[in-house]
Amino acid sequence: MTNYDVDQRERQERSERFEHAINCMDIAPITMMAFERVALENKVSLKNLLQTMLLNALDRELSKKQDVQLEFSFHESNYG
């Protein structure tokens, strides 16, 4: 197994875990309606909006502890 194969498997596992986390979120209906409205206004999918918001929040939390701004590709596609 090459490093590329290992990286691909890790990316797939992270994607599946993230998909599961999004599907299992317990969000109040009013909040979800607001998220849906924001996604429609920005012409993005609800999944991408929530994913970006969660990853941005994770980045901020990690940056607080390390005092270093992490670079993630999702920063290029901020929606709000």
PDB file of N, CA and C in Angstrom:
ATOM      1  N   MET A   1       0.851  -1.179   0.000  1.00  0.00           N
ATOM      2  CA  MET A   1       0.000   0.000   0.000  1.00  0.00           C
ATOM      3  C   MET A   1       0.897   1.243   0.000  1.00  0.00           C
ATOM      4  N   THR A   2       0.630   2.152  -0.910  1.00  0.00           N
ATOM      5  CA  THR A   2       1.441   3.363  -1.030  1.00  0.00           C
ATOM      6  C   THR A   2       0.941   4.437  -0.068  1.00  0.00           C
ATOM      7  N   ASN A   3       1.762   5.480   0.087  1.00  0.00           N
ATOM      8  CA  ASN A   3       1.353   6.603   0.936  1.00  0.00           C
ATOM      9  C   ASN A   3       0.085   7.259   0.397  1.00  0.00           C
ATOM     10  N   TYR A   4      -0.028   7.292  -0.930  1.00  0.00           N
ATOM     11  CA  TYR A   4      -1.232   7.872  -1.529  1.00  0.00           C
ATOM     12  C   TYR A   4      -2.470   7.081  -1.121  1.00  0.00           C
ATOM     13  N   ASP A   5      -2.350   5.761  -1.130  1.00  0.00           N
ATOM     14  CA  ASP A   5      -3.483   4.916  -0.732  1.00  0.00           C
ATOM     15  C   ASP A   5      -3.865   5.155   0.722  1.00  0.00           C
ATOM     16  N   VAL A   6      -2.849   5.280   1.577  1.00  0.00           N
ATOM     17  CA  VAL A   6      -3.100   5.533   2.998  1.00  0.00           C
ATOM     18  C   VAL A   6      -3.781   6.889   3.170  1.00  0.00           C
ATOM     19  N   ASP A   7      -3.266   7.908   2.467  1.00  0.00           N
ATOM     20  CA  ASP A   7      -3.869   9.241   2.545  1.00  0.00           C
ATOM     21  C   ASP A   7      -5.309   9.230   2.047  1.00  0.00           C
ATOM     22  N   GLN A   8      -5.537   8.524   0.954  1.00  0.00           N
ATOM     23  CA  GLN A   8      -6.890   8.442   0.403  1.00  0.00           C
ATOM     24  C   GLN A   8      -7.837   7.767   1.392  1.00  0.00           C
ATOM     25  N   ARG A   9      -7.381   6.715   2.027  1.00  0.00           N
ATOM     26  CA  ARG A   9      -8.211   6.015   3.013  1.00  0.00           C
ATOM     27  C   ARG A   9      -8.518   6.929   4.202  1.00  0.00           C
ATOM     28  N   GLU A  10      -7.506   7.669   4.677  1.00  0.00           N
ATOM     29  CA  GLU A  10      -7.721   8.582   5.801  1.00  0.00           C
ATOM     30  C   GLU A  10      -8.709   9.685   5.423  1.00  0.00           C
ATOM     31  N   ARG A  11      -8.581  10.223   4.206  1.00  0.00           N
ATOM     32  CA  ARG A  11      -9.531  11.250   3.760  1.00  0.00           C
ATOM     33  C   ARG A  11     -10.946  10.692   3.707  1.00  0.00           C
ATOM     34  N   GLN A  12     -11.078   9.486   3.206  1.00  0.00           N
ATOM     35  CA  GLN A  12     -12.398   8.854   3.117  1.00  0.00           C
ATOM     36  C   GLN A  12     -12.993   8.630   4.508  1.00  0.00           C
ATOM     37  N   GLU A  13     -12.164   8.167   5.450  1.00  0.00           N
ATOM     38  CA  GLU A  13     -12.646   7.938   6.818  1.00  0.00           C
ATOM     39  C   GLU A  13     -13.076   9.247   7.469  1.00  0.00           C
ATOM     40  N   ARG A  14     -12.275  10.310   7.285  1.00  0.00           N
ATOM     41  CA  ARG A  14     -12.641  11.617   7.841  1.00  0.00           C
ATOM     42  C   ARG A  14     -13.942  12.112   7.232  1.00  0.00           C
ATOM     43  N   SER A  15     -14.073  11.931   5.933  1.00  0.00           N
ATOM     44  CA  SER A  15     -15.300  12.358   5.261  1.00  0.00           C
ATOM     45  C   SER A  15     -16.511  11.606   5.800  1.00  0.00           C
ATOM     46  N   GLU A  16     -16.371  10.306   5.993  1.00  0.00           N
ATOM     47  CA  GLU A  16     -17.478   9.505   6.517  1.00  0.00           C
ATOM     48  C   GLU A  16     -17.822   9.894   7.946  1.00  0.00           C
ATOM     49  N   ARG A  17     -16.800  10.140   8.784  1.00  0.00           N
ATOM     50  CA  ARG A  17     -17.061  10.554  10.164  1.00  0.00           C
ATOM     51  C   ARG A  17     -17.765  11.904  10.188  1.00  0.00           C
ATOM     52  N   PHE A  18     -17.319  12.819   9.322  1.00  0.00           N
ATOM     53  CA  PHE A  18     -17.923  14.138   9.286  1.00  0.00           C
ATOM     54  C   PHE A  18     -19.366  14.050   8.806  1.00  0.00           C
ATOM     55  N   GLU A  19     -19.602  13.254   7.787  1.00  0.00           N
ATOM     56  CA  GLU A  19     -20.968  13.048   7.279  1.00  0.00           C
ATOM     57  C   GLU A  19     -21.863  12.498   8.388  1.00  0.00           C
ATOM     58  N   HIS A  20     -21.352  11.547   9.148  1.00  0.00           N
ATOM     59  CA  HIS A  20     -22.106  10.967  10.254  1.00  0.00           C
ATOM     60  C   HIS A  20     -22.393  12.029  11.318  1.00  0.00           C
ATOM     61  N   ALA A  21     -21.393  12.859  11.635  1.00  0.00           N
ATOM     62  CA  ALA A  21     -21.579  13.899  12.648  1.00  0.00           C
ATOM     63  C   ALA A  21     -22.654  14.889  12.220  1.00  0.00           C
ATOM     64  N   ILE A  22     -22.628  15.276  10.952  1.00  0.00           N
ATOM     65  CA  ILE A  22     -23.646  16.210  10.460  1.00  0.00           C
ATOM     66  C   ILE A  22     -25.032  15.576  10.537  1.00  0.00           C
ATOM     67  N   ASN A  23     -25.127  14.310  10.167  1.00  0.00           N
ATOM     68  CA  ASN A  23     -26.424  13.627  10.192  1.00  0.00           C
ATOM     69  C   ASN A  23     -26.946  13.424  11.608  1.00  0.00           C
ATOM     70  N   CYS A  24     -26.063  13.381  12.602  1.00  0.00           N
ATOM     71  CA  CYS A  24     -26.476  13.106  13.980  1.00  0.00           C
ATOM     72  C   CYS A  24     -26.638  14.372  14.822  1.00  0.00           C
ATOM     73  N   MET A  25     -26.424  15.541  14.230  1.00  0.00           N
ATOM     74  CA  MET A  25     -26.529  16.770  15.015  1.00  0.00           C
ATOM     75  C   MET A  25     -27.960  16.961  15.492  1.00  0.00           C
ATOM     76  N   ASP A  26     -28.097  17.371  16.734  1.00  0.00           N
ATOM     77  CA  ASP A  26     -29.406  17.643  17.316  1.00  0.00           C
ATOM     78  C   ASP A  26     -29.603  19.154  17.304  1.00  0.00           C
ATOM     79  N   ILE A  27     -30.285  19.644  16.287  1.00  0.00           N
ATOM     80  CA  ILE A  27     -30.465  21.080  16.098  1.00  0.00           C
ATOM     81  C   ILE A  27     -31.954  21.392  16.153  1.00  0.00           C
ATOM     82  N   ALA A  28     -32.281  22.439  16.882  1.00  0.00           N
ATOM     83  CA  ALA A  28     -33.681  22.864  16.990  1.00  0.00           C
ATOM     84  C   ALA A  28     -34.220  23.223  15.603  1.00  0.00           C
ATOM     85  N   PRO A  29     -35.501  22.944  15.350  1.00  0.00           N
ATOM     86  CA  PRO A  29     -36.088  23.238  14.030  1.00  0.00           C
ATOM     87  C   PRO A  29     -35.950  24.697  13.604  1.00  0.00           C
ATOM     88  N   ILE A  30     -36.089  25.618  14.537  1.00  0.00           N
ATOM     89  CA  ILE A  30     -35.965  27.042  14.196  1.00  0.00           C
ATOM     90  C   ILE A  30     -34.556  27.346  13.724  1.00  0.00           C
ATOM     91  N   THR A  31     -33.574  26.796  14.414  1.00  0.00           N
ATOM     92  CA  THR A  31     -32.182  27.001  14.026  1.00  0.00           C
ATOM     93  C   THR A  31     -31.925  26.396  12.655  1.00  0.00           C
ATOM     94  N   MET A  32     -32.442  25.212  12.420  1.00  0.00           N
ATOM     95  CA  MET A  32     -32.242  24.555  11.129  1.00  0.00           C
ATOM     96  C   MET A  32     -32.883  25.368  10.009  1.00  0.00           C
ATOM     97  N   MET A  33     -34.047  25.947  10.276  1.00  0.00           N
ATOM     98  CA  MET A  33     -34.692  26.781   9.262  1.00  0.00           C
ATOM     99  C   MET A  33     -33.827  27.995   8.940  1.00  0.00           C
ATOM    100  N   ALA A  34     -33.187  28.564   9.958  1.00  0.00           N
ATOM    101  CA  ALA A  34     -32.296  29.705   9.728  1.00  0.00           C
ATOM    102  C   ALA A  34     -31.094  29.282   8.889  1.00  0.00           C
ATOM    103  N   PHE A  35     -30.517  28.118   9.204  1.00  0.00           N
ATOM    104  CA  PHE A  35     -29.395  27.613   8.412  1.00  0.00           C
ATOM    105  C   PHE A  35     -29.817  27.390   6.964  1.00  0.00           C
ATOM    106  N   GLU A  36     -31.001  26.825   6.767  1.00  0.00           N
ATOM    107  CA  GLU A  36     -31.497  26.581   5.407  1.00  0.00           C
ATOM    108  C   GLU A  36     -31.660  27.892   4.644  1.00  0.00           C
ATOM    109  N   ARG A  37     -32.172  28.920   5.323  1.00  0.00           N
ATOM    110  CA  ARG A  37     -32.355  30.222   4.681  1.00  0.00           C
ATOM    111  C   ARG A  37     -31.007  30.828   4.280  1.00  0.00           C
ATOM    112  N   VAL A  38     -30.023  30.744   5.174  1.00  0.00           N
ATOM    113  CA  VAL A  38     -28.686  31.266   4.866  1.00  0.00           C
ATOM    114  C   VAL A  38     -28.080  30.511   3.685  1.00  0.00           C
ATOM    115  N   ALA A  39     -28.243  29.199   3.673  1.00  0.00           N
ATOM    116  CA  ALA A  39     -27.712  28.393   2.569  1.00  0.00           C
ATOM    117  C   ALA A  39     -28.369  28.799   1.248  1.00  0.00           C
ATOM    118  N   LEU A  40     -29.678  28.988   1.251  1.00  0.00           N
ATOM    119  CA  LEU A  40     -30.378  29.410   0.032  1.00  0.00           C
ATOM    120  C   LEU A  40     -29.925  30.790  -0.428  1.00  0.00           C
ATOM    121  N   GLU A  41     -29.786  31.716   0.521  1.00  0.00           N
ATOM    122  CA  GLU A  41     -29.357  33.072   0.169  1.00  0.00           C
ATOM    123  C   GLU A  41     -27.969  33.078  -0.454  1.00  0.00           C
ATOM    124  N   ASN A  42     -27.104  32.170   0.003  1.00  0.00           N
ATOM    125  CA  ASN A  42     -25.734  32.115  -0.506  1.00  0.00           C
ATOM    126  C   ASN A  42     -25.560  31.097  -1.626  1.00  0.00           C
ATOM    127  N   LYS A  43     -26.669  30.467  -2.023  1.00  0.00           N
ATOM    128  CA  LYS A  43     -26.670  29.498  -3.119  1.00  0.00           C
ATOM    129  C   LYS A  43     -25.644  28.384  -2.907  1.00  0.00           C
ATOM    130  N   VAL A  44     -25.638  27.836  -1.693  1.00  0.00           N
ATOM    131  CA  VAL A  44     -24.781  26.692  -1.359  1.00  0.00           C
ATOM    132  C   VAL A  44     -25.667  25.610  -0.752  1.00  0.00           C
ATOM    133  N   SER A  45     -25.152  24.401  -0.740  1.00  0.00           N
ATOM    134  CA  SER A  45     -25.934  23.328  -0.128  1.00  0.00           C
ATOM    135  C   SER A  45     -25.885  23.473   1.388  1.00  0.00           C
ATOM    136  N   LEU A  46     -26.922  23.002   2.034  1.00  0.00           N
ATOM    137  CA  LEU A  46     -26.978  23.051   3.495  1.00  0.00           C
ATOM    138  C   LEU A  46     -25.814  22.274   4.091  1.00  0.00           C
ATOM    139  N   LYS A  47     -25.505  21.128   3.510  1.00  0.00           N
ATOM    140  CA  LYS A  47     -24.389  20.316   4.000  1.00  0.00           C
ATOM    141  C   LYS A  47     -23.079  21.101   3.943  1.00  0.00           C
ATOM    142  N   ASN A  48     -22.812  21.767   2.827  1.00  0.00           N
ATOM    143  CA  ASN A  48     -21.568  22.529   2.706  1.00  0.00           C
ATOM    144  C   ASN A  48     -21.528  23.694   3.688  1.00  0.00           C
ATOM    145  N   LEU A  49     -22.659  24.346   3.891  1.00  0.00           N
ATOM    146  CA  LEU A  49     -22.714  25.449   4.844  1.00  0.00           C
ATOM    147  C   LEU A  49     -22.388  24.963   6.255  1.00  0.00           C
ATOM    148  N   LEU A  50     -23.063  23.897   6.693  1.00  0.00           N
ATOM    149  CA  LEU A  50     -22.829  23.372   8.041  1.00  0.00           C
ATOM    150  C   LEU A  50     -21.405  22.849   8.187  1.00  0.00           C
ATOM    151  N   GLN A  51     -20.922  22.187   7.160  1.00  0.00           N
ATOM    152  CA  GLN A  51     -19.564  21.654   7.199  1.00  0.00           C
ATOM    153  C   GLN A  51     -18.555  22.788   7.353  1.00  0.00           C
ATOM    154  N   THR A  52     -18.731  23.841   6.587  1.00  0.00           N
ATOM    155  CA  THR A  52     -17.822  24.979   6.663  1.00  0.00           C
ATOM    156  C   THR A  52     -17.888  25.646   8.031  1.00  0.00           C
ATOM    157  N   MET A  53     -19.098  25.817   8.551  1.00  0.00           N
ATOM    158  CA  MET A  53     -19.241  26.438   9.870  1.00  0.00           C
ATOM    159  C   MET A  53     -18.566  25.598  10.951  1.00  0.00           C
ATOM    160  N   LEU A  54     -18.761  24.287  10.890  1.00  0.00           N
ATOM    161  CA  LEU A  54     -18.151  23.409  11.887  1.00  0.00           C
ATOM    162  C   LEU A  54     -16.631  23.399  11.775  1.00  0.00           C
ATOM    163  N   LEU A  55     -16.118  23.351  10.558  1.00  0.00           N
ATOM    164  CA  LEU A  55     -14.667  23.350  10.378  1.00  0.00           C
ATOM    165  C   LEU A  55     -14.053  24.679  10.798  1.00  0.00           C
ATOM    166  N   ASN A  56     -14.735  25.790  10.525  1.00  0.00           N
ATOM    167  CA  ASN A  56     -14.240  27.090  10.976  1.00  0.00           C
ATOM    168  C   ASN A  56     -14.209  27.164  12.500  1.00  0.00           C
ATOM    169  N   ALA A  57     -15.246  26.653  13.141  1.00  0.00           N
ATOM    170  CA  ALA A  57     -15.285  26.646  14.605  1.00  0.00           C
ATOM    171  C   ALA A  57     -14.169  25.774  15.166  1.00  0.00           C
ATOM    172  N   LEU A  58     -13.946  24.626  14.550  1.00  0.00           N
ATOM    173  CA  LEU A  58     -12.862  23.747  14.980  1.00  0.00           C
ATOM    174  C   LEU A  58     -11.523  24.439  14.820  1.00  0.00           C
ATOM    175  N   ASP A  59     -11.318  25.114  13.700  1.00  0.00           N
ATOM    176  CA  ASP A  59     -10.071  25.832  13.461  1.00  0.00           C
ATOM    177  C   ASP A  59      -9.845  26.909  14.516  1.00  0.00           C
ATOM    178  N   ARG A  60     -10.901  27.657  14.856  1.00  0.00           N
ATOM    179  CA  ARG A  60     -10.764  28.694  15.887  1.00  0.00           C
ATOM    180  C   ARG A  60     -10.396  28.094  17.238  1.00  0.00           C
ATOM    181  N   GLU A  61     -11.038  26.989  17.595  1.00  0.00           N
ATOM    182  CA  GLU A  61     -10.738  26.341  18.874  1.00  0.00           C
ATOM    183  C   GLU A  61      -9.304  25.823  18.908  1.00  0.00           C
ATOM    184  N   LEU A  62      -8.869  25.202  17.831  1.00  0.00           N
ATOM    185  CA  LEU A  62      -7.498  24.693  17.782  1.00  0.00           C
ATOM    186  C   LEU A  62      -6.491  25.830  17.789  1.00  0.00           C
ATOM    187  N   SER A  63      -6.822  26.931  17.130  1.00  0.00           N
ATOM    188  CA  SER A  63      -5.920  28.077  17.077  1.00  0.00           C
ATOM    189  C   SER A  63      -5.767  28.723  18.448  1.00  0.00           C
ATOM    190  N   LYS A  64      -6.822  28.704  19.251  1.00  0.00           N
ATOM    191  CA  LYS A  64      -6.736  29.268  20.599  1.00  0.00           C
ATOM    192  C   LYS A  64      -5.702  28.524  21.425  1.00  0.00           C
ATOM    193  N   LYS A  65      -5.701  27.207  21.302  1.00  0.00           N
ATOM    194  CA  LYS A  65      -4.806  26.393  22.110  1.00  0.00           C
ATOM    195  C   LYS A  65      -3.366  26.463  21.624  1.00  0.00           C
ATOM    196  N   GLN A  66      -3.172  26.558  20.319  1.00  0.00           N
ATOM    197  CA  GLN A  66      -1.830  26.549  19.764  1.00  0.00           C
ATOM    198  C   GLN A  66      -1.315  27.943  19.457  1.00  0.00           C
ATOM    199  N   ASP A  67      -2.203  28.931  19.486  1.00  0.00           N
ATOM    200  CA  ASP A  67      -1.864  30.303  19.136  1.00  0.00           C
ATOM    201  C   ASP A  67      -1.258  30.375  17.735  1.00  0.00           C
ATOM    202  N   VAL A  68      -1.746  29.509  16.858  1.00  0.00           N
ATOM    203  CA  VAL A  68      -1.282  29.452  15.473  1.00  0.00           C
ATOM    204  C   VAL A  68      -2.510  29.314  14.584  1.00  0.00           C
ATOM    205  N   GLN A  69      -2.562  30.078  13.513  1.00  0.00           N
ATOM    206  CA  GLN A  69      -3.667  29.951  12.570  1.00  0.00           C
ATOM    207  C   GLN A  69      -3.384  28.785  11.638  1.00  0.00           C
ATOM    208  N   LEU A  70      -4.266  27.813  11.634  1.00  0.00           N
ATOM    209  CA  LEU A  70      -4.100  26.656  10.773  1.00  0.00           C
ATOM    210  C   LEU A  70      -4.610  26.980   9.381  1.00  0.00           C
ATOM    211  N   GLU A  71      -4.024  26.358   8.386  1.00  0.00           N
ATOM    212  CA  GLU A  71      -4.436  26.571   7.005  1.00  0.00           C
ATOM    213  C   GLU A  71      -5.258  25.389   6.526  1.00  0.00           C
ATOM    214  N   PHE A  72      -6.506  25.635   6.189  1.00  0.00           N
ATOM    215  CA  PHE A  72      -7.375  24.612   5.635  1.00  0.00           C
ATOM    216  C   PHE A  72      -7.976  25.149   4.345  1.00  0.00           C
ATOM    217  N   SER A  73      -8.193  24.273   3.396  1.00  0.00           N
ATOM    218  CA  SER A  73      -8.741  24.702   2.109  1.00  0.00           C
ATOM    219  C   SER A  73     -10.152  25.264   2.237  1.00  0.00           C
ATOM    220  N   PHE A  74     -10.896  24.871   3.279  1.00  0.00           N
ATOM    221  CA  PHE A  74     -12.272  25.342   3.388  1.00  0.00           C
ATOM    222  C   PHE A  74     -12.354  26.834   3.661  1.00  0.00           C
ATOM    223  N   HIS A  75     -11.248  27.469   4.115  1.00  0.00           N
ATOM    224  CA  HIS A  75     -11.273  28.911   4.356  1.00  0.00           C
ATOM    225  C   HIS A  75     -11.574  29.678   3.077  1.00  0.00           C
ATOM    226  N   GLU A  76     -11.185  29.122   1.935  1.00  0.00           N
ATOM    227  CA  GLU A  76     -11.418  29.791   0.666  1.00  0.00           C
ATOM    228  C   GLU A  76     -12.900  29.848   0.329  1.00  0.00           C
ATOM    229  N   SER A  77     -13.690  28.988   0.933  1.00  0.00           N
ATOM    230  CA  SER A  77     -15.111  28.944   0.579  1.00  0.00           C
ATOM    231  C   SER A  77     -16.001  29.327   1.757  1.00  0.00           C
ATOM    232  N   ASN A  78     -15.574  30.319   2.534  1.00  0.00           N
ATOM    233  CA  ASN A  78     -16.415  30.782   3.642  1.00  0.00           C
ATOM    234  C   ASN A  78     -17.729  31.315   3.113  1.00  0.00           C
ATOM    235  N   TYR A  79     -18.794  31.033   3.826  1.00  0.00           N
ATOM    236  CA  TYR A  79     -20.110  31.461   3.385  1.00  0.00           C
ATOM    237  C   TYR A  79     -20.722  32.510   4.293  1.00  0.00           C
ATOM    238  N   GLY A  80     -20.113  32.829   5.387  1.00  0.00           N
ATOM    239  CA  GLY A  80     -20.765  33.749   6.289  1.00  0.00           C
ATOM    240  C   GLY A  80     -19.889  34.184   7.310  1.00  0.00           C
TER     241      GLY A  80
END
